[in-house]
């Protein structure tokens, strides 16, 4: 799971989380953006970017299913109607292996929750990046 970066709303405590989001989810400002109060593996910043509840471990951005038939891959993930998603991949886990974005056109459809694609090359590790849609 990956998350994109955005800036939205007033952030008077300069922690990278909008004040309204902090108040809605915690009732106060000064929330640690790196904390994980529900222990789901997503930081408060990642929860904000993904549109998930930082106090509910069941509400998180996750790949829920992956299938590969010959060279055809399909990914499913938890999705929110207020987010856009991008699939990324890398050849290895750990230092020295960076994420490569797979641009397939679906990244402009809010709430999209699955994608299929052909990969005739090596196998990869896949991730999903949530991106908050632009407000018109």
C-alpha atoms as a PDB file:
ATOM      1  CA  UNK A   1       0.000   0.000   0.000  1.00  0.00           C
ATOM      2  CA  UNK A   2       1.242   3.445  -0.945  1.00  0.00           C
ATOM      3  CA  UNK A   3      -0.238   6.900  -0.533  1.00  0.00           C
ATOM      4  CA  UNK A   4       0.185  10.109  -2.505  1.00  0.00           C
ATOM      5  CA  UNK A   5       0.791  13.565  -1.186  1.00  0.00           C
ATOM      6  CA  UNK A   6      -1.651  16.461  -1.105  1.00  0.00           C
ATOM      7  CA  UNK A   7      -2.318  19.664   0.784  1.00  0.00           C
ATOM      8  CA  UNK A   8      -5.912  20.511   1.684  1.00  0.00           C
ATOM      9  CA  UNK A   9      -7.498  22.692   4.339  1.00  0.00           C
ATOM     10  CA  UNK A  10      -6.034  24.676   7.204  1.00  0.00           C
ATOM     11  CA  UNK A  11      -3.179  23.025   9.077  1.00  0.00           C
ATOM     12  CA  UNK A  12      -2.516  25.427  11.956  1.00  0.00           C
ATOM     13  CA  UNK A  13      -0.234  22.982  13.822  1.00  0.00           C
ATOM     14  CA  UNK A  14       1.835  22.301  10.653  1.00  0.00           C
ATOM     15  CA  UNK A  15       1.817  18.510  11.036  1.00  0.00           C
ATOM     16  CA  UNK A  16       0.617  17.758   7.496  1.00  0.00           C
ATOM     17  CA  UNK A  17      -2.936  16.873   8.601  1.00  0.00           C
ATOM     18  CA  UNK A  18      -5.821  19.295   8.037  1.00  0.00           C
ATOM     19  CA  UNK A  19      -7.279  20.686  11.267  1.00  0.00           C
ATOM     20  CA  UNK A  20     -10.809  19.597  10.303  1.00  0.00           C
ATOM     21  CA  UNK A  21      -9.633  15.991   9.805  1.00  0.00           C
ATOM     22  CA  UNK A  22      -7.820  15.972  13.168  1.00  0.00           C
ATOM     23  CA  UNK A  23     -10.870  17.367  14.975  1.00  0.00           C
ATOM     24  CA  UNK A  24     -13.246  14.929  13.259  1.00  0.00           C
ATOM     25  CA  UNK A  25     -11.128  11.870  14.056  1.00  0.00           C
ATOM     26  CA  UNK A  26      -9.423  12.779  17.356  1.00  0.00           C
ATOM     27  CA  UNK A  27     -11.227  15.805  18.812  1.00  0.00           C
ATOM     28  CA  UNK A  28      -8.012  17.850  19.069  1.00  0.00           C
ATOM     29  CA  UNK A  29      -5.087  19.210  17.053  1.00  0.00           C
ATOM     30  CA  UNK A  30      -1.456  18.157  17.326  1.00  0.00           C
ATOM     31  CA  UNK A  31      -2.011  14.571  16.199  1.00  0.00           C
ATOM     32  CA  UNK A  32       1.205  12.705  15.355  1.00  0.00           C
ATOM     33  CA  UNK A  33       1.032  12.073  11.575  1.00  0.00           C
ATOM     34  CA  UNK A  34       3.321   9.027  11.946  1.00  0.00           C
ATOM     35  CA  UNK A  35       1.311   7.320  14.703  1.00  0.00           C
ATOM     36  CA  UNK A  36      -0.907   4.307  13.988  1.00  0.00           C
ATOM     37  CA  UNK A  37      -3.575   4.332  16.734  1.00  0.00           C
ATOM     38  CA  UNK A  38      -5.623   1.466  15.258  1.00  0.00           C
ATOM     39  CA  UNK A  39      -2.531  -0.698  14.533  1.00  0.00           C
ATOM     40  CA  UNK A  40      -3.526  -1.465  10.932  1.00  0.00           C
ATOM     41  CA  UNK A  41      -0.109  -0.655   9.461  1.00  0.00           C
ATOM     42  CA  UNK A  42      -1.182   2.763   8.129  1.00  0.00           C
ATOM     43  CA  UNK A  43       0.024   5.997   9.730  1.00  0.00           C
ATOM     44  CA  UNK A  44      -2.401   8.840  10.426  1.00  0.00           C
ATOM     45  CA  UNK A  45      -1.020  10.627   7.337  1.00  0.00           C
ATOM     46  CA  UNK A  46      -1.589   7.538   5.184  1.00  0.00           C
ATOM     47  CA  UNK A  47      -5.117   7.174   6.603  1.00  0.00           C
ATOM     48  CA  UNK A  48      -5.858  10.809   5.769  1.00  0.00           C
ATOM     49  CA  UNK A  49      -4.558  10.447   2.211  1.00  0.00           C
ATOM     50  CA  UNK A  50      -6.438   7.162   1.663  1.00  0.00           C
ATOM     51  CA  UNK A  51      -9.710   8.496   3.136  1.00  0.00           C
ATOM     52  CA  UNK A  52      -9.810   5.741   5.751  1.00  0.00           C
ATOM     53  CA  UNK A  53     -10.647   5.875   9.468  1.00  0.00           C
ATOM     54  CA  UNK A  54      -7.492   6.110  11.623  1.00  0.00           C
ATOM     55  CA  UNK A  55      -9.379   4.626  14.578  1.00  0.00           C
ATOM     56  CA  UNK A  56     -10.767   1.552  12.805  1.00  0.00           C
ATOM     57  CA  UNK A  57      -8.291  -1.189  11.873  1.00  0.00           C
ATOM     58  CA  UNK A  58     -10.828  -2.759   9.492  1.00  0.00           C
ATOM     59  CA  UNK A  59     -10.978   0.451   7.406  1.00  0.00           C
ATOM     60  CA  UNK A  60      -7.664   0.608   5.542  1.00  0.00           C
ATOM     61  CA  UNK A  61      -6.273   0.586   2.022  1.00  0.00           C
ATOM     62  CA  UNK A  62      -5.300  -2.982   1.195  1.00  0.00           C
ATOM     63  CA  UNK A  63      -4.861  -5.195  -1.818  1.00  0.00           C
ATOM     64  CA  UNK A  64      -7.574  -7.777  -1.210  1.00  0.00           C
ATOM     65  CA  UNK A  65      -6.915 -10.169  -4.071  1.00  0.00           C
ATOM     66  CA  UNK A  66      -4.350 -10.875  -6.765  1.00  0.00           C
ATOM     67  CA  UNK A  67      -4.539 -13.404  -9.566  1.00  0.00           C
ATOM     68  CA  UNK A  68      -2.180 -14.255 -12.406  1.00  0.00           C
ATOM     69  CA  UNK A  69      -3.182 -16.418 -15.340  1.00  0.00           C
ATOM     70  CA  UNK A  70      -0.277 -16.945 -17.711  1.00  0.00           C
ATOM     71  CA  UNK A  71       0.836 -13.324 -18.232  1.00  0.00           C
ATOM     72  CA  UNK A  72      -2.437 -11.632 -17.230  1.00  0.00           C
ATOM     73  CA  UNK A  73      -2.561 -10.070 -13.742  1.00  0.00           C
ATOM     74  CA  UNK A  74      -5.593  -8.765 -11.863  1.00  0.00           C
ATOM     75  CA  UNK A  75      -5.507  -6.728  -8.623  1.00  0.00           C
ATOM     76  CA  UNK A  76      -8.438  -5.851  -6.348  1.00  0.00           C
ATOM     77  CA  UNK A  77      -8.239  -3.408  -3.451  1.00  0.00           C
ATOM     78  CA  UNK A  78     -10.394  -1.605  -0.923  1.00  0.00           C
ATOM     79  CA  UNK A  79     -11.539   1.680  -2.457  1.00  0.00           C
ATOM     80  CA  UNK A  80     -13.238   4.898  -1.451  1.00  0.00           C
ATOM     81  CA  UNK A  81     -15.443   6.898  -3.836  1.00  0.00           C
ATOM     82  CA  UNK A  82     -13.524  10.075  -2.887  1.00  0.00           C
ATOM     83  CA  UNK A  83     -10.141   8.771  -4.004  1.00  0.00           C
ATOM     84  CA  UNK A  84      -8.262   8.021  -7.194  1.00  0.00           C
ATOM     85  CA  UNK A  85      -5.840   5.092  -7.288  1.00  0.00           C
ATOM     86  CA  UNK A  86      -2.652   4.246  -9.104  1.00  0.00           C
ATOM     87  CA  UNK A  87      -1.017   0.828  -9.340  1.00  0.00           C
ATOM     88  CA  UNK A  88       2.715   0.710  -8.740  1.00  0.00           C
ATOM     89  CA  UNK A  89       5.250  -2.079  -8.900  1.00  0.00           C
ATOM     90  CA  UNK A  90       8.828  -2.847  -8.000  1.00  0.00           C
ATOM     91  CA  UNK A  91      11.096  -5.784  -8.649  1.00  0.00           C
ATOM     92  CA  UNK A  92      12.244  -6.307  -5.055  1.00  0.00           C
ATOM     93  CA  UNK A  93      11.394  -5.291  -1.511  1.00  0.00           C
ATOM     94  CA  UNK A  94      13.931  -3.229   0.388  1.00  0.00           C
ATOM     95  CA  UNK A  95      16.568  -0.570  -0.211  1.00  0.00           C
ATOM     96  CA  UNK A  96      17.513   0.080  -3.805  1.00  0.00           C
ATOM     97  CA  UNK A  97      14.157  -0.937  -5.267  1.00  0.00           C
ATOM     98  CA  UNK A  98      11.913   2.017  -6.074  1.00  0.00           C
ATOM     99  CA  UNK A  99       8.240   2.015  -7.031  1.00  0.00           C
ATOM    100  CA  UNK A 100       7.397   2.335 -10.735  1.00  0.00           C
ATOM    101  CA  UNK A 101       3.972   3.762 -11.610  1.00  0.00           C
ATOM    102  CA  UNK A 102       1.880   1.766 -14.062  1.00  0.00           C
ATOM    103  CA  UNK A 103      -0.203   4.328 -15.951  1.00  0.00           C
ATOM    104  CA  UNK A 104      -3.227   2.583 -17.390  1.00  0.00           C
ATOM    105  CA  UNK A 105      -5.874   5.304 -17.621  1.00  0.00           C
ATOM    106  CA  UNK A 106      -8.005   4.118 -14.699  1.00  0.00           C
ATOM    107  CA  UNK A 107      -6.294   6.546 -12.324  1.00  0.00           C
ATOM    108  CA  UNK A 108      -8.858   9.200 -13.287  1.00  0.00           C
ATOM    109  CA  UNK A 109     -11.905   7.179 -12.160  1.00  0.00           C
ATOM    110  CA  UNK A 110     -12.855   7.892  -8.508  1.00  0.00           C
ATOM    111  CA  UNK A 111     -13.468   4.782  -6.424  1.00  0.00           C
ATOM    112  CA  UNK A 112     -11.991   2.356  -8.979  1.00  0.00           C
ATOM    113  CA  UNK A 113     -11.204  -0.872  -7.117  1.00  0.00           C
ATOM    114  CA  UNK A 114      -9.618  -3.315  -9.560  1.00  0.00           C
ATOM    115  CA  UNK A 115      -7.478  -3.513 -12.649  1.00  0.00           C
ATOM    116  CA  UNK A 116      -6.242  -6.162 -15.029  1.00  0.00           C
ATOM    117  CA  UNK A 117      -3.086  -5.896 -17.096  1.00  0.00           C
ATOM    118  CA  UNK A 118      -0.725  -8.040 -19.115  1.00  0.00           C
ATOM    119  CA  UNK A 119       2.845  -8.537 -17.943  1.00  0.00           C
ATOM    120  CA  UNK A 120       5.098 -10.711 -20.057  1.00  0.00           C
ATOM    121  CA  UNK A 121       8.199  -9.734 -18.073  1.00  0.00           C
ATOM    122  CA  UNK A 122       9.376 -10.775 -14.622  1.00  0.00           C
ATOM    123  CA  UNK A 123       7.127 -10.966 -11.598  1.00  0.00           C
ATOM    124  CA  UNK A 124       6.800  -7.876  -9.460  1.00  0.00           C
ATOM    125  CA  UNK A 125       5.631  -6.696  -6.054  1.00  0.00           C
ATOM    126  CA  UNK A 126       2.548  -4.489  -6.501  1.00  0.00           C
ATOM    127  CA  UNK A 127       1.197  -1.621  -4.461  1.00  0.00           C
ATOM    128  CA  UNK A 128      -1.741   0.768  -4.605  1.00  0.00           C
ATOM    129  CA  UNK A 129      -1.399   4.529  -4.199  1.00  0.00           C
ATOM    130  CA  UNK A 130      -4.438   6.512  -3.081  1.00  0.00           C
ATOM    131  CA  UNK A 131      -4.711  10.059  -4.387  1.00  0.00           C
ATOM    132  CA  UNK A 132      -7.323  12.519  -3.166  1.00  0.00           C
ATOM    133  CA  UNK A 133      -9.267  13.876  -6.177  1.00  0.00           C
ATOM    134  CA  UNK A 134      -8.921  17.546  -6.985  1.00  0.00           C
ATOM    135  CA  UNK A 135     -11.784  19.692  -5.784  1.00  0.00           C
ATOM    136  CA  UNK A 136     -13.348  21.655  -8.674  1.00  0.00           C
END
